[in-house]
Amino acid sequence: MVKAADMLIARRADTRARADFATWKMMAKLNGLSALPPDAQGFLDGYKKLLDRMSEGDAAEATIAEVYKSYYLEMGGTGNPPDVRTRPPEPAADNVTAFRRPAPKPKKAGNFFGSTAGTAKRPLPVALIFACLIVVYVSIKFYWR
């Protein structure tokens, strides 16, 4: 039986192993192998030897498993490291639906302020409002004379 603390350590060790291996591999491609620590260089040498015998994906997974075991023990895990590999995702069912234009929404009757309470009135036309403002302006001008 695996303890919860060991499982937490295992997940962290697996995540770190996968990230470190990807970093080491990129560093090797960029001719930065000499800048890596000796243990990283050792793991990459093992990876290169595994590439001669198996596919790249299998060699990578085998190398990551070795790095994972090393990190698990380094982080304080007890016993054999538990298997933390994720299950392959189930194939998704085709959930794509055909596009349909939504039905037009009926227009709501409302007054000038957008409320539908009471009777529905049309807003005043802009020209009528402008004409009323001119009448008010002219009447104020005559009043002050």
C-alpha atoms as a PDB file:
ATOM      1  CA  MET A   1       0.000   0.000   0.000  1.00  0.00           C
ATOM      2  CA  VAL A   2       1.314   3.409  -1.005  1.00  0.00           C
ATOM      3  CA  LYS A   3       1.103   6.260   1.499  1.00  0.00           C
ATOM      4  CA  ALA A   4      -0.290   9.617   0.450  1.00  0.00           C
ATOM      5  CA  ALA A   5       3.026  11.327   1.220  1.00  0.00           C
ATOM      6  CA  ASP A   6       4.897   8.854  -0.981  1.00  0.00           C
ATOM      7  CA  MET A   7       2.402   9.432  -3.787  1.00  0.00           C
ATOM      8  CA  LEU A   8       2.906  13.194  -3.484  1.00  0.00           C
ATOM      9  CA  ILE A   9       6.671  12.702  -3.642  1.00  0.00           C
ATOM     10  CA  ALA A  10       6.226  10.376  -6.614  1.00  0.00           C
ATOM     11  CA  ARG A  11       4.164  12.915  -8.567  1.00  0.00           C
ATOM     12  CA  ARG A  12       6.693  15.663  -7.889  1.00  0.00           C
ATOM     13  CA  ALA A  13       9.588  13.389  -8.832  1.00  0.00           C
ATOM     14  CA  ASP A  14       7.874  12.324 -12.064  1.00  0.00           C
ATOM     15  CA  THR A  15       7.087  15.899 -13.064  1.00  0.00           C
ATOM     16  CA  ARG A  16      10.630  17.008 -12.304  1.00  0.00           C
ATOM     17  CA  ALA A  17      12.121  14.032 -14.169  1.00  0.00           C
ATOM     18  CA  ARG A  18      10.084  14.736 -17.299  1.00  0.00           C
ATOM     19  CA  ALA A  19      10.913  18.453 -17.232  1.00  0.00           C
ATOM     20  CA  ASP A  20      14.616  17.876 -16.563  1.00  0.00           C
ATOM     21  CA  PHE A  21      14.920  15.247 -19.283  1.00  0.00           C
ATOM     22  CA  ALA A  22      13.308  17.559 -21.841  1.00  0.00           C
ATOM     23  CA  THR A  23      15.679  20.349 -20.775  1.00  0.00           C
ATOM     24  CA  TRP A  24      18.730  18.094 -20.946  1.00  0.00           C
ATOM     25  CA  LYS A  25      17.727  16.822 -24.351  1.00  0.00           C
ATOM     26  CA  MET A  26      17.321  20.380 -25.657  1.00  0.00           C
ATOM     27  CA  MET A  27      20.661  21.404 -24.162  1.00  0.00           C
ATOM     28  CA  ALA A  28      22.313  18.459 -25.926  1.00  0.00           C
ATOM     29  CA  LYS A  29      20.761  19.510 -29.247  1.00  0.00           C
ATOM     30  CA  LEU A  30      22.086  23.036 -28.733  1.00  0.00           C
ATOM     31  CA  ASN A  31      25.634  21.734 -28.060  1.00  0.00           C
ATOM     32  CA  GLY A  32      25.405  22.609 -24.359  1.00  0.00           C
ATOM     33  CA  LEU A  33      26.078  19.100 -23.085  1.00  0.00           C
ATOM     34  CA  SER A  34      29.260  20.140 -21.269  1.00  0.00           C
ATOM     35  CA  ALA A  35      27.279  22.658 -19.182  1.00  0.00           C
ATOM     36  CA  LEU A  36      25.061  19.925 -17.724  1.00  0.00           C
ATOM     37  CA  PRO A  37      25.806  18.289 -14.361  1.00  0.00           C
ATOM     38  CA  PRO A  38      27.577  14.899 -14.462  1.00  0.00           C
ATOM     39  CA  ASP A  39      24.473  12.914 -13.486  1.00  0.00           C
ATOM     40  CA  ALA A  40      22.524  14.533 -16.327  1.00  0.00           C
ATOM     41  CA  GLN A  41      25.308  13.676 -18.752  1.00  0.00           C
ATOM     42  CA  GLY A  42      25.183  10.085 -17.482  1.00  0.00           C
ATOM     43  CA  PHE A  43      21.442   9.842 -18.057  1.00  0.00           C
ATOM     44  CA  LEU A  44      21.840  11.269 -21.576  1.00  0.00           C
ATOM     45  CA  ASP A  45      24.607   8.749 -22.343  1.00  0.00           C
ATOM     46  CA  GLY A  46      22.243   5.987 -21.250  1.00  0.00           C
ATOM     47  CA  TYR A  47      19.553   7.501 -23.464  1.00  0.00           C
ATOM     48  CA  LYS A  48      21.872   7.470 -26.472  1.00  0.00           C
ATOM     49  CA  LYS A  49      22.680   3.785 -25.842  1.00  0.00           C
ATOM     50  CA  LEU A  50      18.979   2.973 -25.592  1.00  0.00           C
ATOM     51  CA  LEU A  51      18.334   4.745 -28.907  1.00  0.00           C
ATOM     52  CA  ASP A  52      20.451   2.079 -30.649  1.00  0.00           C
ATOM     53  CA  ARG A  53      18.169  -0.696 -29.373  1.00  0.00           C
ATOM     54  CA  MET A  54      14.680   0.874 -29.381  1.00  0.00           C
ATOM     55  CA  SER A  55      12.562   3.691 -30.737  1.00  0.00           C
ATOM     56  CA  GLU A  56      12.991   7.268 -29.572  1.00  0.00           C
ATOM     57  CA  GLY A  57       9.757   7.297 -27.565  1.00  0.00           C
ATOM     58  CA  ASP A  58      10.543   4.061 -25.754  1.00  0.00           C
ATOM     59  CA  ALA A  59      14.116   5.175 -25.050  1.00  0.00           C
ATOM     60  CA  ALA A  60      12.864   8.479 -23.685  1.00  0.00           C
ATOM     61  CA  GLU A  61      10.325   6.775 -21.405  1.00  0.00           C
ATOM     62  CA  ALA A  62      12.948   4.323 -20.134  1.00  0.00           C
ATOM     63  CA  THR A  63      15.366   7.167 -19.391  1.00  0.00           C
ATOM     64  CA  ILE A  64      12.645   9.207 -17.686  1.00  0.00           C
ATOM     65  CA  ALA A  65      11.815   6.157 -15.544  1.00  0.00           C
ATOM     66  CA  GLU A  66      15.451   5.950 -14.406  1.00  0.00           C
ATOM     67  CA  VAL A  67      15.580   9.661 -13.625  1.00  0.00           C
ATOM     68  CA  TYR A  68      12.235   9.332 -11.806  1.00  0.00           C
ATOM     69  CA  LYS A  69      13.554   6.528  -9.593  1.00  0.00           C
ATOM     70  CA  SER A  70      16.614   8.602  -8.781  1.00  0.00           C
ATOM     71  CA  TYR A  71      14.578  11.693  -7.903  1.00  0.00           C
ATOM     72  CA  TYR A  72      12.069   9.667  -5.879  1.00  0.00           C
ATOM     73  CA  LEU A  73      14.801   8.322  -3.611  1.00  0.00           C
ATOM     74  CA  GLU A  74      16.497  11.739  -3.479  1.00  0.00           C
ATOM     75  CA  MET A  75      13.247  13.413  -2.343  1.00  0.00           C
ATOM     76  CA  GLY A  76      12.796  10.948   0.521  1.00  0.00           C
ATOM     77  CA  GLY A  77      10.482   8.357  -0.974  1.00  0.00           C
ATOM     78  CA  THR A  78      10.525   4.926   0.664  1.00  0.00           C
ATOM     79  CA  GLY A  79      10.646   1.609  -1.143  1.00  0.00           C
ATOM     80  CA  ASN A  80      10.003   1.179  -4.829  1.00  0.00           C
ATOM     81  CA  PRO A  81       8.568   4.254  -6.505  1.00  0.00           C
ATOM     82  CA  PRO A  82       4.857   3.892  -7.337  1.00  0.00           C
ATOM     83  CA  ASP A  83       3.621   4.047 -10.887  1.00  0.00           C
ATOM     84  CA  VAL A  84       2.338   7.576 -11.526  1.00  0.00           C
ATOM     85  CA  ARG A  85       2.001   7.480 -15.298  1.00  0.00           C
ATOM     86  CA  THR A  86      -1.286   8.884 -16.431  1.00  0.00           C
ATOM     87  CA  ARG A  87      -3.784   6.679 -18.150  1.00  0.00           C
ATOM     88  CA  PRO A  88      -4.072   7.249 -21.867  1.00  0.00           C
ATOM     89  CA  PRO A  89      -7.028   9.497 -22.561  1.00  0.00           C
ATOM     90  CA  GLU A  90     -10.146   7.824 -23.825  1.00  0.00           C
ATOM     91  CA  PRO A  91     -10.920   8.673 -27.420  1.00  0.00           C
ATOM     92  CA  ALA A  92     -13.390  11.505 -27.492  1.00  0.00           C
ATOM     93  CA  ALA A  93     -16.696  10.931 -29.147  1.00  0.00           C
ATOM     94  CA  ASP A  94     -17.555  13.226 -32.002  1.00  0.00           C
ATOM     95  CA  ASN A  95     -19.282  16.032 -30.172  1.00  0.00           C
ATOM     96  CA  VAL A  96     -19.301  18.578 -32.963  1.00  0.00           C
ATOM     97  CA  THR A  97     -22.722  19.874 -33.866  1.00  0.00           C
ATOM     98  CA  ALA A  98     -23.723  21.535 -37.081  1.00  0.00           C
ATOM     99  CA  PHE A  99     -24.063  25.294 -36.969  1.00  0.00           C
ATOM    100  CA  ARG A 100     -27.622  26.532 -36.965  1.00  0.00           C
ATOM    101  CA  ARG A 101     -28.597  30.161 -36.992  1.00  0.00           C
ATOM    102  CA  PRO A 102     -30.587  30.933 -33.848  1.00  0.00           C
ATOM    103  CA  ALA A 103     -34.206  31.920 -34.257  1.00  0.00           C
ATOM    104  CA  PRO A 104     -34.694  35.697 -34.352  1.00  0.00           C
ATOM    105  CA  LYS A 105     -35.840  37.148 -31.053  1.00  0.00           C
ATOM    106  CA  PRO A 106     -39.125  39.056 -31.098  1.00  0.00           C
ATOM    107  CA  LYS A 107     -38.731  42.795 -30.651  1.00  0.00           C
ATOM    108  CA  LYS A 108     -39.961  44.170 -27.370  1.00  0.00           C
ATOM    109  CA  ALA A 109     -42.074  47.288 -27.411  1.00  0.00           C
ATOM    110  CA  GLY A 110     -40.770  49.963 -25.102  1.00  0.00           C
ATOM    111  CA  ASN A 111     -40.749  53.660 -24.442  1.00  0.00           C
ATOM    112  CA  PHE A 112     -37.888  56.138 -24.805  1.00  0.00           C
ATOM    113  CA  PHE A 113     -36.048  54.769 -21.749  1.00  0.00           C
ATOM    114  CA  GLY A 114     -36.304  51.134 -22.806  1.00  0.00           C
ATOM    115  CA  SER A 115     -38.872  50.030 -20.235  1.00  0.00           C
ATOM    116  CA  THR A 116     -41.912  48.134 -21.346  1.00  0.00           C
ATOM    117  CA  ALA A 117     -44.151  49.313 -18.494  1.00  0.00           C
ATOM    118  CA  GLY A 118     -47.283  51.229 -19.474  1.00  0.00           C
ATOM    119  CA  THR A 119     -48.152  52.150 -22.996  1.00  0.00           C
ATOM    120  CA  ALA A 120     -45.582  51.853 -25.694  1.00  0.00           C
ATOM    121  CA  LYS A 121     -44.628  55.304 -27.021  1.00  0.00           C
ATOM    122  CA  ARG A 122     -42.326  56.228 -29.831  1.00  0.00           C
ATOM    123  CA  PRO A 123     -39.429  58.453 -28.852  1.00  0.00           C
ATOM    124  CA  LEU A 124     -39.593  62.046 -30.033  1.00  0.00           C
ATOM    125  CA  PRO A 125     -37.864  62.589 -33.341  1.00  0.00           C
ATOM    126  CA  VAL A 126     -34.589  64.468 -33.161  1.00  0.00           C
ATOM    127  CA  ALA A 127     -35.790  67.197 -35.514  1.00  0.00           C
ATOM    128  CA  LEU A 128     -38.755  67.989 -33.245  1.00  0.00           C
ATOM    129  CA  ILE A 129     -36.498  68.280 -30.199  1.00  0.00           C
ATOM    130  CA  PHE A 130     -34.118  70.553 -32.132  1.00  0.00           C
ATOM    131  CA  ALA A 131     -37.014  72.759 -33.252  1.00  0.00           C
ATOM    132  CA  CYS A 132     -38.255  73.084 -29.657  1.00  0.00           C
ATOM    133  CA  LEU A 133     -34.779  74.124 -28.506  1.00  0.00           C
ATOM    134  CA  ILE A 134     -34.650  76.839 -31.192  1.00  0.00           C
ATOM    135  CA  VAL A 135     -38.078  78.151 -30.117  1.00  0.00           C
ATOM    136  CA  VAL A 136     -36.936  78.292 -26.494  1.00  0.00           C
ATOM    137  CA  TYR A 137     -33.692  80.050 -27.457  1.00  0.00           C
ATOM    138  CA  VAL A 138     -35.460  82.663 -29.599  1.00  0.00           C
ATOM    139  CA  SER A 139     -38.104  83.315 -26.945  1.00  0.00           C
ATOM    140  CA  ILE A 140     -35.417  83.859 -24.280  1.00  0.00           C
ATOM    141  CA  LYS A 141     -33.587  86.289 -26.597  1.00  0.00           C
ATOM    142  CA  PHE A 142     -36.757  88.357 -27.093  1.00  0.00           C
ATOM    143  CA  TYR A 143     -37.593  88.223 -23.395  1.00  0.00           C
ATOM    144  CA  TRP A 144     -34.284  89.793 -22.348  1.00  0.00           C
ATOM    145  CA  ARG A 145     -34.637  92.759 -24.770  1.00  0.00           C
END
